[in-house]
Amino acid sequence: MASDLKDPKDRIIFRLLEFLPGILSWGTLIILFLLSWLKPFFVAIFIILFTIYWFFRTVYFSFHLRSTYYRMRMNERADWIKELDYKNPKTFSLPISDWKEIYHLVLLPICKEPLEIAREALLSLKNTDYPKNRLIVVLSAEESQKATLASVVENIEKEFGNDFFKLFITWHPSNLPGDIPGHASNDAWASKQVKELVIDPLNISYENIIVSSFDIDTCVFPKYFSCLTYYYLTSKNPLRTSFQPIPLYINNIWQAPFFSRIFSFSSTFWQMMCQERPEKLLTFSSHSMPFKALAEVGFKQRNVISDDSRIFWQCFLQYDGNYDVTPIFYPVSMDANVSKSFLRTLINIYKQQRRWAYGAADIAYVFLGFLRNKKISLYKRFLKGFDLIEGHWSWATVSIMIFFLGWLPIALGGPEFSQHLISYSLPKVISRILTFSMVGLVASAYFSILLLPPMPLEKGKFRYALFAIEWVLLPLIMIFFSALPALDAQTRLMMGKYLGFWLTEKVR
């Protein structure tokens, strides 16, 4: 936050930058609303052209989705251990004699989640094909929940204590100065603890450690660490690269309400499409990175809410723009948003989307960093800055623009506009373009069915057909549970009503 900065000038600039996403989003909607009244003809032309543009963008993304899906399946089938064995160590990007020198540090923060969820995550680690004597697993529990978590931690230690090189338990203290309780502060505490108490005493080289930051419901697929190790050792610059898997929210997908399923897969598909465009890829949710880079930037910031991409920006600014995210086209699975009731799930989806959209706070952090660090090329600053702003702007505005603005010129344009031919054809043109855009929904429905885990027998085969039909509701859902939470988050940021960390409820 601006109050964290010591320089008064920096505080002013930072605070002004916090206004930027909200001003752009609300400004766009307000201006188009006013112009629908004052200049309805121009707004009608604009919205037709914008909808056509979005149609072609949808088709373009559909090709990326298809390509990523098949690359992911290919990586799932590959024998990464054999690939590593066949590789000459001299061709690796790091000076090691054997790929087995690479350790994996896995951070699993836990707060209120039940034993069932934590156990499933640990079991998935145990079942991977990577040598277990090279896995350091950290279960980082919140001390504020010790009364309920103590038995969970005890059971995990008892069952998995001897299955890894180290199973290390940390308790993240409450009310540490500068902490905002949440994933980022817990990860930062756990990282420092394992460094001081495990890594440094054993004299393990930081270059030989890959750290994976997971949610407690993250289940790795069997070849995740061997695939990650291959990408790490064959990357051009492994110590300046984060590695992003594909998040599949399918652990409890058959228990999720229809709108939660659609949201889960739409988040997955966006990440899949971004994997085909690595220049635009940021770290999201579960991801991996070199421990050396994490240590050199001072570990994760402890005072952020949406920390998914903040660690990337920390590294990008620290290394003068010489830091990238590499897609590994390999999946991890997590829980869809499910609560104890239909209404509660609706509320939780809204809050989860708002927390993710609160990543708009990165804009102030990144742009102030760009102003301070002139070593980052102007070209990189422009591209990264534009992508960051455009992403949050489109998140908050596009679905509203497409599905509402087609009617505003007719409603507000008055009798003069109603005499134009375009006033009669505007709804039909928009409707037909959106009908053609259904190709994107068809592709989404098709690939979501391919990604589904085996269906419980009691669900019945007709559920596949029903699942495909549910995608028709996506446009409406995107307005109320994507655009509106994004506007909410940006407005709170603009008004200085900062969000605290909201923990997504995990229910199976």
Protein backbone atom coordinates (compact mmCIF):
# COMPACT_ATOMS: atom_id res chain seq x y z
CA MET A 1 0.00 0.00 0.00
CA ALA A 2 1.03 3.62 -0.39
CA SER A 3 1.47 3.88 3.39
CA ASP A 4 4.26 1.27 3.20
CA LEU A 5 6.46 3.66 1.20
CA LYS A 6 8.86 5.99 2.99
CA ASP A 7 9.27 8.62 0.26
CA PRO A 8 6.29 11.08 0.26
CA LYS A 9 6.63 11.53 -3.50
CA ASP A 10 6.46 7.77 -4.06
CA ARG A 11 3.38 7.57 -1.83
CA ILE A 12 1.59 10.17 -3.92
CA ILE A 13 2.51 8.50 -7.22
CA PHE A 14 1.55 5.07 -5.89
CA ARG A 15 -1.81 6.33 -4.63
CA LEU A 16 -2.57 8.00 -7.96
CA LEU A 17 -1.69 4.79 -9.79
CA GLU A 18 -4.17 2.93 -7.59
CA PHE A 19 -6.87 5.06 -9.21
CA LEU A 20 -5.83 4.05 -12.73
CA PRO A 21 -7.64 0.70 -13.22
CA GLY A 22 -10.90 2.00 -11.73
CA ILE A 23 -10.78 5.24 -13.72
CA LEU A 24 -10.18 3.36 -16.99
CA SER A 25 -12.94 0.80 -16.39
CA TRP A 26 -15.59 3.13 -14.99
CA GLY A 27 -14.56 5.86 -17.44
CA THR A 28 -15.08 3.54 -20.40
CA LEU A 29 -18.56 2.47 -19.26
CA ILE A 30 -19.67 5.99 -18.30
CA ILE A 31 -18.40 7.57 -21.52
CA LEU A 32 -20.08 4.92 -23.67
CA PHE A 33 -23.29 5.39 -21.69
CA LEU A 34 -23.19 9.17 -22.25
CA LEU A 35 -22.29 8.81 -25.91
CA SER A 36 -25.18 6.38 -26.37
CA TRP A 37 -27.35 9.34 -25.45
CA LEU A 38 -25.41 12.13 -27.16
CA LYS A 39 -23.84 10.32 -30.14
CA PRO A 40 -25.78 7.07 -30.52
CA PHE A 41 -24.78 6.54 -34.15
CA PHE A 42 -21.06 6.47 -33.34
CA VAL A 43 -21.59 4.17 -30.37
CA ALA A 44 -23.60 1.78 -32.58
CA ILE A 45 -20.76 1.66 -35.10
CA PHE A 46 -18.19 1.20 -32.33
CA ILE A 47 -20.01 -1.64 -30.63
CA ILE A 48 -20.49 -3.50 -33.94
CA LEU A 49 -16.78 -3.20 -34.74
CA PHE A 50 -15.81 -4.14 -31.19
CA THR A 51 -18.04 -7.22 -31.22
CA ILE A 52 -16.56 -8.31 -34.56
CA TYR A 53 -13.08 -7.87 -33.11
CA TRP A 54 -14.03 -9.96 -30.10
CA PHE A 55 -15.47 -12.66 -32.36
CA PHE A 56 -12.15 -13.04 -34.20
CA ARG A 57 -10.30 -12.97 -30.90
CA THR A 58 -12.53 -15.79 -29.65
CA VAL A 59 -11.73 -17.88 -32.72
CA TYR A 60 -8.03 -17.11 -32.32
CA PHE A 61 -8.12 -18.19 -28.67
CA SER A 62 -9.97 -21.39 -29.61
CA PHE A 63 -6.98 -22.46 -31.72
CA HIS A 64 -4.67 -21.77 -28.78
CA LEU A 65 -6.92 -23.82 -26.51
CA ARG A 66 -6.82 -26.77 -28.88
CA SER A 67 -3.04 -26.59 -29.29
CA THR A 68 -2.40 -26.39 -25.53
CA TYR A 69 -4.72 -29.31 -24.82
CA TYR A 70 -2.85 -31.65 -27.15
CA ARG A 71 0.55 -30.46 -25.92
CA MET A 72 -0.59 -31.10 -22.36
CA ARG A 73 -1.70 -34.63 -23.22
CA MET A 74 1.61 -35.26 -24.98
CA ASN A 75 3.54 -34.09 -21.90
CA GLU A 76 1.41 -36.32 -19.67
CA ARG A 77 2.38 -39.35 -21.77
CA ALA A 78 6.09 -38.53 -21.97
CA ASP A 79 8.58 -40.40 -19.80
CA TRP A 80 10.45 -37.45 -18.32
CA ILE A 81 12.73 -39.59 -16.16
CA LYS A 82 13.93 -41.36 -19.29
CA GLU A 83 14.35 -38.01 -21.06
CA LEU A 84 16.50 -36.79 -18.18
CA ASP A 85 18.54 -40.01 -18.15
CA TYR A 86 19.22 -39.73 -21.88
CA LYS A 87 20.36 -36.11 -21.60
CA ASN A 88 24.07 -35.46 -21.41
CA PRO A 89 24.60 -33.46 -18.17
CA LYS A 90 26.97 -31.20 -20.11
CA THR A 91 23.97 -29.90 -22.08
CA PHE A 92 22.12 -28.86 -18.92
CA SER A 93 21.85 -25.15 -18.18
CA LEU A 94 23.39 -25.66 -14.74
CA PRO A 95 26.82 -27.14 -13.90
CA ILE A 96 25.66 -30.43 -12.40
CA SER A 97 26.77 -33.99 -13.04
CA ASP A 98 23.35 -35.63 -12.55
CA TRP A 99 19.76 -34.40 -12.69
CA LYS A 100 19.18 -36.15 -9.35
CA GLU A 101 21.09 -33.30 -7.70
CA ILE A 102 17.95 -31.18 -8.14
CA TYR A 103 15.78 -30.83 -5.02
CA HIS A 104 12.13 -29.79 -5.01
CA LEU A 105 10.88 -27.63 -2.16
CA VAL A 106 7.08 -27.80 -1.92
CA LEU A 107 5.22 -25.15 0.12
CA LEU A 108 1.74 -26.17 1.32
CA PRO A 109 0.10 -23.47 3.47
CA ILE A 110 -2.88 -24.66 5.52
CA CYS A 111 -5.37 -22.63 7.53
CA LYS A 112 -8.85 -24.12 8.05
CA GLU A 113 -8.84 -27.00 5.59
CA PRO A 114 -9.78 -30.50 6.81
CA LEU A 115 -7.43 -33.48 7.00
CA GLU A 116 -9.00 -35.07 3.91
CA ILE A 117 -7.82 -32.26 1.63
CA ALA A 118 -4.31 -32.02 3.11
CA ARG A 119 -3.88 -35.80 2.99
CA GLU A 120 -4.86 -35.96 -0.68
CA ALA A 121 -2.24 -33.31 -1.52
CA LEU A 122 0.51 -35.20 0.35
CA LEU A 123 -0.56 -38.48 -1.20
CA SER A 124 -0.20 -37.01 -4.68
CA LEU A 125 3.37 -35.95 -3.82
CA LYS A 126 4.14 -39.43 -2.52
CA ASN A 127 2.86 -40.98 -5.76
CA THR A 128 5.05 -38.93 -8.10
CA ASP A 129 7.82 -40.61 -10.10
CA TYR A 130 10.51 -38.21 -8.84
CA PRO A 131 12.99 -39.59 -6.23
CA LYS A 132 11.40 -38.92 -2.85
CA ASN A 133 14.80 -38.34 -1.28
CA ARG A 134 14.89 -35.12 -3.27
CA LEU A 135 11.54 -33.75 -2.06
CA ILE A 136 11.41 -31.26 0.82
CA VAL A 137 7.77 -30.78 1.78
CA VAL A 138 6.76 -27.90 4.04
CA LEU A 139 3.34 -27.93 5.67
CA SER A 140 3.01 -24.33 6.82
CA ALA A 141 0.12 -23.98 9.25
CA GLU A 142 -1.45 -20.80 10.61
CA GLU A 143 -0.78 -20.46 14.32
CA SER A 144 -4.11 -18.65 14.76
CA GLN A 145 -5.84 -21.94 13.88
CA LYS A 146 -3.59 -24.17 15.99
CA ALA A 147 -6.44 -25.47 18.14
CA THR A 148 -8.10 -27.09 15.11
CA LEU A 149 -5.00 -27.73 12.99
CA ALA A 150 -2.88 -29.52 15.58
CA SER A 151 -4.59 -32.87 15.00
CA VAL A 152 -4.40 -32.43 11.20
CA VAL A 153 -0.66 -31.72 11.36
CA GLU A 154 -0.10 -34.62 13.76
CA ASN A 155 -1.89 -37.04 11.43
CA ILE A 156 0.05 -35.80 8.39
CA GLU A 157 3.37 -36.19 10.23
CA LYS A 158 2.44 -39.67 11.36
CA GLU A 159 1.41 -40.88 7.90
CA PHE A 160 3.94 -39.11 5.67
CA GLY A 161 6.84 -38.28 8.00
CA ASN A 162 9.18 -40.88 6.46
CA ASP A 163 8.10 -40.61 2.82
CA PHE A 164 10.23 -37.60 1.78
CA PHE A 165 13.73 -36.26 2.28
CA LYS A 166 12.15 -33.86 4.77
CA LEU A 167 8.61 -33.22 5.94
CA PHE A 168 9.01 -29.88 7.67
CA ILE A 169 6.25 -28.26 9.76
CA THR A 170 6.06 -24.52 10.37
CA TRP A 171 3.57 -22.45 12.34
CA HIS A 172 3.06 -18.99 10.88
CA PRO A 173 2.79 -16.59 13.86
CA SER A 174 -0.17 -14.26 14.14
CA ASN A 175 0.17 -10.47 14.09
CA LEU A 176 3.73 -10.27 12.78
CA PRO A 177 4.64 -6.63 11.96
CA GLY A 178 4.07 -5.95 8.26
CA ASP A 179 2.07 -9.15 7.70
CA ILE A 180 -1.32 -9.40 6.08
CA PRO A 181 -2.51 -12.89 7.09
CA GLY A 182 -2.79 -15.05 3.98
CA HIS A 183 -0.99 -17.18 1.42
CA ALA A 184 1.85 -14.74 0.70
CA SER A 185 2.85 -14.05 4.31
CA ASN A 186 2.59 -17.75 5.19
CA ASP A 187 4.78 -18.73 2.22
CA ALA A 188 7.33 -16.04 3.10
CA TRP A 189 7.57 -17.27 6.71
CA ALA A 190 7.81 -20.93 5.67
CA SER A 191 10.47 -20.21 3.03
CA LYS A 192 12.69 -18.39 5.51
CA GLN A 193 12.25 -21.09 8.14
CA VAL A 194 13.16 -23.96 5.83
CA LYS A 195 16.13 -21.99 4.51
CA GLU A 196 17.53 -21.36 7.99
CA LEU A 197 16.72 -24.74 9.53
CA VAL A 198 17.05 -27.20 6.65
CA ILE A 199 18.67 -25.87 3.47
CA ASP A 200 21.54 -23.85 4.94
CA PRO A 201 22.57 -26.43 7.62
CA LEU A 202 22.69 -29.14 4.93
CA ASN A 203 24.60 -26.78 2.60
CA ILE A 204 22.27 -27.48 -0.35
CA SER A 205 23.07 -25.19 -3.27
CA TYR A 206 20.25 -22.70 -3.93
CA GLU A 207 20.73 -23.22 -7.68
CA ASN A 208 19.81 -26.88 -7.20
CA ILE A 209 16.44 -26.18 -5.58
CA ILE A 210 13.15 -25.55 -7.35
CA VAL A 211 10.43 -24.22 -5.05
CA SER A 212 6.77 -24.89 -5.83
CA SER A 213 4.15 -22.71 -4.18
CA PHE A 214 0.90 -24.67 -4.01
CA ASP A 215 -2.49 -24.31 -2.37
CA ILE A 216 -3.26 -27.07 0.11
CA ASP A 217 -5.83 -28.55 -2.31
CA THR A 218 -3.26 -28.81 -5.12
CA CYS A 219 -2.70 -32.38 -6.28
CA VAL A 220 0.26 -32.88 -8.61
CA PHE A 221 0.01 -35.32 -11.48
CA PRO A 222 2.49 -38.25 -11.32
CA LYS A 223 5.19 -36.78 -13.58
CA TYR A 224 5.00 -33.17 -12.46
CA PHE A 225 8.43 -32.90 -10.81
CA SER A 226 10.28 -34.88 -13.46
CA CYS A 227 8.67 -32.73 -16.17
CA LEU A 228 9.47 -29.56 -14.22
CA THR A 229 13.07 -30.69 -13.70
CA TYR A 230 13.48 -31.26 -17.43
CA TYR A 231 12.18 -27.78 -18.25
CA TYR A 232 14.36 -26.26 -15.52
CA LEU A 233 17.58 -27.92 -16.68
CA THR A 234 16.95 -27.24 -20.38
CA SER A 235 15.75 -23.66 -19.99
CA LYS A 236 18.03 -20.99 -21.42
CA ASN A 237 18.14 -19.10 -18.15
CA PRO A 238 16.71 -21.33 -15.39
CA LEU A 239 17.70 -19.03 -12.53
CA ARG A 240 15.68 -16.20 -14.08
CA THR A 241 12.55 -18.19 -14.96
CA SER A 242 9.32 -19.22 -13.24
CA PHE A 243 7.50 -22.30 -14.48
CA GLN A 244 3.73 -22.39 -14.84
CA PRO A 245 1.65 -25.58 -14.97
CA ILE A 246 -1.95 -25.75 -16.14
CA PRO A 247 -4.43 -25.52 -13.24
CA LEU A 248 -7.36 -27.94 -13.53
CA TYR A 249 -10.10 -27.30 -10.98
CA ILE A 250 -11.44 -30.83 -11.09
CA ASN A 251 -10.78 -32.47 -7.70
CA ASN A 252 -14.43 -32.06 -6.67
CA ILE A 253 -15.91 -31.05 -10.02
CA TRP A 254 -18.80 -33.52 -9.87
CA GLN A 255 -19.92 -32.06 -6.53
CA ALA A 256 -19.79 -28.47 -7.82
CA PRO A 257 -22.93 -26.53 -8.90
CA PHE A 258 -23.13 -25.77 -12.63
CA PHE A 259 -21.95 -22.15 -12.35
CA SER A 260 -18.95 -23.22 -10.28
CA ARG A 261 -18.03 -25.81 -12.92
CA ILE A 262 -18.22 -23.21 -15.68
CA PHE A 263 -16.06 -20.78 -13.72
CA SER A 264 -13.56 -23.48 -12.92
CA PHE A 265 -13.10 -24.44 -16.54
CA SER A 266 -13.13 -20.86 -17.83
CA SER A 267 -10.22 -20.09 -15.46
CA THR A 268 -8.43 -23.23 -16.68
CA PHE A 269 -9.02 -22.35 -20.33
CA TRP A 270 -7.70 -18.83 -19.90
CA GLN A 271 -4.51 -20.25 -18.43
CA MET A 272 -4.29 -22.82 -21.23
CA MET A 273 -4.57 -20.10 -23.86
CA CYS A 274 -1.92 -18.03 -22.08
CA GLN A 275 0.46 -21.01 -22.20
CA GLU A 276 0.52 -20.57 -25.97
CA ARG A 277 1.48 -16.92 -25.51
CA PRO A 278 4.39 -17.07 -23.03
CA GLU A 279 5.25 -13.41 -23.57
CA LYS A 280 1.96 -12.57 -21.80
CA LEU A 281 2.12 -15.33 -19.18
CA LEU A 282 2.31 -14.46 -15.48
CA THR A 283 2.58 -16.78 -12.50
CA PHE A 284 -0.86 -17.86 -11.34
CA SER A 285 -1.98 -19.87 -8.32
CA SER A 286 0.22 -23.00 -8.16
CA HIS A 287 3.60 -22.35 -9.81
CA SER A 288 7.32 -23.11 -9.47
CA MET A 289 10.49 -21.02 -9.51
CA PRO A 290 14.21 -21.21 -8.64
CA PHE A 291 14.84 -20.97 -4.92
CA LYS A 292 17.86 -18.78 -5.63
CA ALA A 293 15.63 -16.12 -7.21
CA LEU A 294 13.13 -16.36 -4.35
CA ALA A 295 15.90 -15.81 -1.80
CA GLU A 296 17.51 -12.96 -3.75
CA VAL A 297 14.26 -10.93 -3.93
CA GLY A 298 13.78 -11.38 -0.18
CA PHE A 299 11.05 -14.02 -0.49
CA LYS A 300 7.42 -13.18 -1.10
CA GLN A 301 5.97 -9.88 0.01
CA ARG A 302 4.05 -10.37 3.24
CA ASN A 303 1.63 -7.47 2.81
CA VAL A 304 -0.25 -8.37 -0.37
CA ILE A 305 -3.66 -9.95 -0.96
CA SER A 306 -3.44 -11.22 -4.52
CA ASP A 307 0.01 -12.77 -4.51
CA ASP A 308 -0.29 -15.04 -7.55
CA SER A 309 1.60 -12.75 -9.91
CA ARG A 310 3.32 -10.42 -7.42
CA ILE A 311 6.33 -12.72 -7.02
CA PHE A 312 6.87 -12.57 -10.78
CA TRP A 313 6.83 -8.76 -10.71
CA GLN A 314 9.23 -8.75 -7.75
CA CYS A 315 11.70 -10.79 -9.81
CA PHE A 316 11.06 -8.83 -13.02
CA LEU A 317 11.94 -5.56 -11.28
CA GLN A 318 14.82 -7.05 -9.28
CA TYR A 319 16.52 -8.43 -12.40
CA ASP A 320 15.95 -5.37 -14.61
CA GLY A 321 13.35 -7.09 -16.79
CA ASN A 322 15.46 -10.22 -17.26
CA TYR A 323 12.90 -12.62 -15.83
CA ASP A 324 10.32 -14.74 -17.64
CA VAL A 325 7.56 -17.29 -17.11
CA THR A 326 7.87 -20.57 -19.04
CA PRO A 327 4.77 -22.73 -19.62
CA ILE A 328 5.39 -26.43 -18.98
CA PHE A 329 2.12 -27.70 -20.53
CA TYR A 330 1.60 -30.08 -17.63
CA PRO A 331 -1.38 -30.09 -15.24
CA VAL A 332 -1.97 -29.88 -11.54
CA SER A 333 -5.46 -30.29 -10.11
CA MET A 334 -7.28 -28.22 -7.50
CA ASP A 335 -10.77 -27.85 -6.04
CA ALA A 336 -13.63 -26.07 -7.73
CA ASN A 337 -15.36 -23.51 -5.53
CA VAL A 338 -17.92 -25.47 -3.51
CA SER A 339 -19.57 -24.49 -0.25
CA LYS A 340 -22.18 -25.99 2.04
CA SER A 341 -25.14 -24.47 0.19
CA PHE A 342 -26.07 -23.17 -3.24
CA LEU A 343 -26.30 -19.56 -2.04
CA ARG A 344 -23.04 -19.77 -0.11
CA THR A 345 -21.26 -21.09 -3.20
CA LEU A 346 -22.57 -18.12 -5.20
CA ILE A 347 -21.23 -15.71 -2.58
CA ASN A 348 -17.88 -17.49 -2.40
CA ILE A 349 -17.43 -17.41 -6.19
CA TYR A 350 -18.07 -13.66 -6.16
CA LYS A 351 -15.55 -13.16 -3.34
CA GLN A 352 -12.96 -15.40 -4.97
CA GLN A 353 -13.27 -13.53 -8.27
CA ARG A 354 -13.02 -10.22 -6.44
CA ARG A 355 -9.84 -11.37 -4.69
CA TRP A 356 -8.30 -12.46 -7.99
CA ALA A 357 -9.39 -9.19 -9.63
CA TYR A 358 -7.76 -7.32 -6.76
CA GLY A 359 -4.57 -8.18 -8.61
CA ALA A 360 -5.21 -4.77 -10.20
CA ALA A 361 -3.16 -3.55 -7.22
CA ASP A 362 -0.14 -4.84 -9.16
CA ILE A 363 -0.53 -1.91 -11.56
CA ALA A 364 0.59 0.66 -8.97
CA TYR A 365 3.41 -1.60 -7.75
CA VAL A 366 4.69 -2.37 -11.25
CA PHE A 367 4.41 1.13 -12.71
CA LEU A 368 6.18 2.68 -9.73
CA GLY A 369 8.86 0.04 -10.24
CA PHE A 370 9.12 1.00 -13.90
CA LEU A 371 9.59 4.66 -12.95
CA ARG A 372 12.36 3.73 -10.53
CA ASN A 373 14.19 1.19 -12.68
CA LYS A 374 15.37 2.72 -15.94
CA LYS A 375 17.49 -0.37 -16.72
CA ILE A 376 14.39 -2.18 -17.96
CA SER A 377 14.06 -1.48 -21.67
CA LEU A 378 11.31 0.93 -22.72
CA TYR A 379 9.98 -1.77 -25.06
CA LYS A 380 9.54 -4.28 -22.20
CA ARG A 381 8.02 -1.67 -19.93
CA PHE A 382 5.49 -0.71 -22.58
CA LEU A 383 4.50 -4.29 -23.48
CA LYS A 384 4.25 -5.53 -19.90
CA GLY A 385 2.49 -2.38 -18.72
CA PHE A 386 -0.02 -2.44 -21.58
CA ASP A 387 -0.82 -6.13 -21.08
CA LEU A 388 -1.30 -5.59 -17.35
CA ILE A 389 -3.67 -2.65 -17.80
CA GLU A 390 -5.56 -4.17 -20.74
CA GLY A 391 -6.09 -7.42 -18.86
CA HIS A 392 -7.75 -5.76 -15.86
CA TRP A 393 -9.66 -3.30 -18.06
CA SER A 394 -11.14 -6.04 -20.25
CA TRP A 395 -11.90 -8.17 -17.17
CA ALA A 396 -14.14 -5.41 -15.80
CA THR A 397 -15.70 -4.04 -18.99
CA VAL A 398 -15.83 -6.33 -22.02
CA SER A 399 -18.72 -8.61 -21.10
CA ILE A 400 -20.81 -5.57 -20.06
CA MET A 401 -19.97 -3.73 -23.28
CA ILE A 402 -20.85 -6.62 -25.55
CA PHE A 403 -24.07 -7.72 -23.90
CA PHE A 404 -25.53 -4.36 -22.84
CA LEU A 405 -24.18 -1.60 -25.06
CA GLY A 406 -25.87 -3.05 -28.13
CA TRP A 407 -29.16 -1.85 -26.62
CA LEU A 408 -28.14 1.48 -25.08
CA PRO A 409 -28.12 3.58 -28.28
CA ILE A 410 -31.67 2.38 -28.98
CA ALA A 411 -32.81 3.06 -25.41
CA LEU A 412 -31.09 6.46 -25.04
CA GLY A 413 -30.65 7.70 -28.60
CA GLY A 414 -34.06 9.35 -28.84
CA PRO A 415 -36.42 9.71 -31.83
CA GLU A 416 -33.74 11.06 -34.15
CA PHE A 417 -31.59 7.95 -33.85
CA SER A 418 -34.64 5.69 -34.12
CA GLN A 419 -35.09 6.96 -37.69
CA HIS A 420 -31.66 5.62 -38.71
CA LEU A 421 -31.57 2.24 -40.38
CA ILE A 422 -28.81 1.16 -37.99
CA SER A 423 -31.19 1.49 -35.03
CA TYR A 424 -33.27 -1.36 -36.46
CA SER A 425 -30.35 -3.51 -37.54
CA LEU A 426 -28.09 -3.03 -34.48
CA PRO A 427 -29.69 -5.73 -32.25
CA LYS A 428 -29.82 -8.19 -35.18
CA VAL A 429 -26.20 -7.58 -36.17
CA ILE A 430 -24.95 -7.97 -32.58
CA SER A 431 -27.10 -11.06 -32.10
CA ARG A 432 -25.75 -12.71 -35.26
CA ILE A 433 -22.14 -11.94 -34.40
CA LEU A 434 -22.64 -13.39 -30.93
CA THR A 435 -24.25 -16.46 -32.48
CA PHE A 436 -21.14 -17.01 -34.59
CA SER A 437 -19.09 -16.49 -31.45
CA MET A 438 -20.72 -19.63 -30.06
CA VAL A 439 -17.82 -21.47 -31.71
CA GLY A 440 -15.84 -20.46 -28.62
CA LEU A 441 -18.47 -21.93 -26.30
CA VAL A 442 -18.63 -25.12 -28.35
CA ALA A 443 -14.85 -25.50 -28.10
CA SER A 444 -15.00 -24.81 -24.37
CA ALA A 445 -17.73 -27.40 -23.82
CA TYR A 446 -15.85 -29.99 -25.88
CA PHE A 447 -12.51 -29.61 -24.11
CA SER A 448 -14.12 -29.35 -20.67
CA ILE A 449 -15.72 -32.76 -21.21
CA LEU A 450 -12.32 -34.17 -22.25
CA LEU A 451 -10.76 -32.82 -19.07
CA LEU A 452 -13.40 -34.19 -16.71
CA PRO A 453 -12.33 -36.93 -14.32
CA PRO A 454 -14.30 -40.21 -14.37
CA MET A 455 -17.91 -39.58 -13.50
CA PRO A 456 -19.40 -41.32 -10.43
CA LEU A 457 -21.80 -44.03 -11.50
CA GLU A 458 -24.74 -42.48 -9.64
CA LYS A 459 -24.55 -39.30 -11.77
CA GLY A 460 -25.77 -40.97 -14.97
CA LYS A 461 -24.44 -40.56 -18.52
CA PHE A 462 -26.90 -37.78 -19.36
CA ARG A 463 -24.84 -35.46 -17.14
CA TYR A 464 -22.28 -35.07 -19.95
CA ALA A 465 -24.96 -33.61 -22.24
CA LEU A 466 -26.24 -31.38 -19.44
CA PHE A 467 -22.69 -30.25 -18.73
CA ALA A 468 -22.23 -29.16 -22.35
CA ILE A 469 -25.54 -27.26 -22.37
CA GLU A 470 -24.56 -25.33 -19.22
CA TRP A 471 -21.95 -23.41 -21.21
CA VAL A 472 -24.76 -21.40 -22.84
CA LEU A 473 -25.07 -19.55 -19.54
CA LEU A 474 -21.44 -18.38 -19.61
CA PRO A 475 -22.11 -14.84 -20.98
CA LEU A 476 -24.62 -14.07 -18.23
CA ILE A 477 -22.38 -15.57 -15.54
CA MET A 478 -19.38 -13.56 -16.78
CA ILE A 479 -21.26 -10.31 -16.24
CA PHE A 480 -22.44 -10.92 -12.69
CA PHE A 481 -19.58 -13.07 -11.40
CA SER A 482 -16.59 -11.73 -13.31
CA ALA A 483 -17.10 -8.14 -14.51
CA LEU A 484 -18.94 -6.94 -11.42
CA PRO A 485 -16.42 -8.43 -8.92
CA ALA A 486 -13.62 -6.83 -10.98
CA LEU A 487 -15.36 -3.44 -10.85
CA ASP A 488 -15.91 -3.96 -7.12
CA ALA A 489 -12.20 -4.69 -6.55
CA GLN A 490 -11.03 -1.76 -8.65
CA THR A 491 -13.47 0.61 -6.93
CA ARG A 492 -12.29 -0.47 -3.49
CA LEU A 493 -8.70 0.06 -4.58
CA MET A 494 -9.55 3.48 -5.97
CA MET A 495 -11.37 4.52 -2.79
CA GLY A 496 -8.63 3.18 -0.49
CA LYS A 497 -10.97 0.56 1.02
CA TYR A 498 -8.34 -2.18 0.82
CA LEU A 499 -9.32 -5.81 0.95
CA GLY A 500 -7.96 -8.20 3.53
CA PHE A 501 -7.10 -11.76 2.55
CA TRP A 502 -10.20 -13.89 2.02
CA LEU A 503 -9.67 -17.63 2.34
CA THR A 504 -11.65 -19.71 -0.15
CA GLU A 505 -13.72 -22.27 1.73
CA LYS A 506 -12.86 -25.88 0.90
CA VAL A 507 -15.77 -28.31 1.06
CA ARG A 508 -15.85 -31.86 -0.27
